[in-house]
Amino acid sequence: VQLQASGGGLVQAGGSLRLSCAASGRTFSRYVMGWFRQAARKEREFVASISWSGGSTYYADSVKGRFTISRDNAKNTVYLQMNSLKSEDSAAYYCAASTGSYVSSRNRDYDYWGQGTQVTVSS
């Protein structure tokens, strides 16, 4: 599967952005999807994950209550709605697909990765 992330940009602190990740292929609904991010000079970190059906989600503590992951299997797309953005949310955001059965925060559980989309939050 090929993944294409979009929607990044420059936003003021307290603002919102919605990231999208479009997937190729006809088996999108069989992948657990995740969002990760990597800030400059830092390791990639988990943000959110969503199950095949969208019925189960999992968030990093740092974004819980502010970010929402969702998916539209008919459109082969996963979304990340980001509200109340903070300067520490600035990073390149990556979507990823896992052939596993459960939501996961571990990089190694994801088999396919898209290119990053940059989010910059100005304070």
Protein backbone atom coordinates (compact mmCIF):
# COMPACT_ATOMS: atom_id res chain seq x y z
CA VAL A 1 0.00 0.00 0.00
CA GLN A 2 1.19 3.52 -0.75
CA LEU A 3 0.38 6.36 1.62
CA GLN A 4 0.20 10.07 0.83
CA ALA A 5 -0.12 12.50 3.73
CA SER A 6 -1.27 16.08 3.31
CA GLY A 7 -2.76 18.98 5.21
CA GLY A 8 0.22 20.29 7.10
CA GLY A 9 1.01 23.96 7.36
CA LEU A 10 1.68 26.92 9.61
CA VAL A 11 -0.87 27.69 12.32
CA GLN A 12 -0.95 29.82 15.43
CA ALA A 13 -1.01 28.27 18.86
CA GLY A 14 -4.57 27.38 19.81
CA GLY A 15 -5.53 26.82 16.21
CA SER A 16 -6.55 23.69 14.34
CA LEU A 17 -5.44 21.62 11.38
CA ARG A 18 -6.72 18.44 9.79
CA LEU A 19 -4.25 16.04 8.27
CA SER A 20 -5.28 13.50 5.66
CA CYS A 21 -3.58 10.33 4.52
CA ALA A 22 -4.78 8.77 1.29
CA ALA A 23 -3.96 5.12 0.66
CA SER A 24 -3.74 3.22 -2.58
CA GLY A 25 -5.05 -0.29 -2.98
CA ARG A 26 -8.32 -2.06 -2.33
CA THR A 27 -7.51 -3.52 1.08
CA PHE A 28 -7.30 -0.29 3.05
CA SER A 29 -10.04 -1.41 5.41
CA ARG A 30 -7.84 -4.30 6.55
CA TYR A 31 -5.05 -2.08 7.87
CA VAL A 32 -4.68 -0.62 11.30
CA MET A 33 -3.63 2.97 10.69
CA GLY A 34 -1.46 5.23 12.73
CA TRP A 35 -0.04 8.71 12.89
CA PHE A 36 3.44 9.44 14.16
CA ARG A 37 5.48 12.62 14.34
CA GLN A 38 9.11 13.62 14.42
CA ALA A 39 10.36 16.97 15.58
CA ALA A 40 13.78 18.29 14.69
CA ARG A 41 16.57 16.47 16.54
CA LYS A 42 14.08 14.12 18.20
CA GLU A 43 13.03 10.54 17.67
CA ARG A 44 9.82 9.66 15.91
CA GLU A 45 6.96 9.34 18.37
CA PHE A 46 3.51 7.83 18.33
CA VAL A 47 0.49 10.12 18.06
CA ALA A 48 -2.63 8.03 17.40
CA SER A 49 -3.86 4.73 16.01
CA ILE A 50 -7.19 3.45 14.73
CA SER A 51 -8.53 -0.05 14.12
CA TRP A 52 -9.82 -1.48 10.85
CA SER A 53 -13.40 -0.47 11.50
CA GLY A 54 -12.61 2.74 13.32
CA GLY A 55 -14.24 1.39 16.43
CA SER A 56 -11.06 1.41 18.47
CA THR A 57 -8.65 4.31 18.84
CA TYR A 58 -5.54 4.91 20.90
CA TYR A 59 -3.75 8.19 21.63
CA ALA A 60 -0.52 9.37 23.08
CA ASP A 61 -1.09 11.12 26.39
CA SER A 62 0.35 14.32 24.97
CA VAL A 63 -2.48 14.66 22.43
CA LYS A 64 -5.38 13.01 24.19
CA GLY A 65 -8.41 15.29 24.26
CA ARG A 66 -6.99 17.55 21.56
CA PHE A 67 -6.45 15.26 18.56
CA THR A 68 -8.94 12.89 16.93
CA ILE A 69 -8.08 10.12 14.52
CA SER A 70 -10.75 8.85 12.14
CA ARG A 71 -11.01 6.97 8.88
CA ASP A 72 -13.25 6.68 5.87
CA ASN A 73 -12.75 3.24 4.35
CA ALA A 74 -14.86 4.14 1.33
CA LYS A 75 -12.37 6.89 0.52
CA ASN A 76 -9.25 4.96 1.60
CA THR A 77 -8.35 7.86 3.85
CA VAL A 78 -7.39 8.35 7.47
CA TYR A 79 -7.58 11.73 9.15
CA LEU A 80 -6.03 13.45 12.12
CA GLN A 81 -8.00 16.40 13.45
CA MET A 82 -5.71 18.52 15.59
CA ASN A 83 -7.22 21.15 17.87
CA SER A 84 -5.76 23.45 20.52
CA LEU A 85 -2.37 23.17 18.89
CA LYS A 86 0.73 23.97 20.89
CA SER A 87 4.24 24.87 19.81
CA GLU A 88 5.43 21.47 20.96
CA ASP A 89 3.16 19.86 18.37
CA SER A 90 5.42 21.21 15.62
CA ALA A 91 6.86 18.27 13.71
CA ALA A 92 6.73 16.30 10.53
CA TYR A 93 3.67 14.04 10.74
CA TYR A 94 3.69 10.59 9.16
CA CYS A 95 0.89 8.16 8.53
CA ALA A 96 1.52 4.44 8.66
CA ALA A 97 -0.32 1.20 7.97
CA SER A 98 -0.11 -2.02 9.95
CA THR A 99 -1.18 -5.51 8.92
CA GLY A 100 -1.65 -6.33 12.57
CA SER A 101 -4.97 -6.85 14.25
CA TYR A 102 -4.84 -4.22 16.97
CA VAL A 103 -4.14 -0.56 17.44
CA SER A 104 -0.52 -0.02 18.35
CA SER A 105 1.89 2.70 19.39
CA ARG A 106 5.02 0.80 18.32
CA ASN A 107 6.89 1.86 15.19
CA ARG A 108 7.87 -1.73 14.47
CA ASP A 109 4.26 -2.84 14.18
CA TYR A 110 3.74 -0.70 11.09
CA ASP A 111 4.64 -2.09 7.69
CA TYR A 112 4.09 0.88 5.39
CA TRP A 113 4.91 4.54 5.84
CA GLY A 114 4.00 7.67 3.96
CA GLN A 115 6.11 10.75 3.52
CA GLY A 116 5.82 13.39 6.19
CA THR A 117 3.71 16.53 6.14
CA GLN A 118 5.11 19.42 8.14
CA VAL A 119 3.11 21.08 10.90
CA THR A 120 4.48 24.27 12.41
CA VAL A 121 2.74 25.92 15.33
CA SER A 122 3.76 29.48 16.09
CA SER A 123 3.47 30.79 19.62
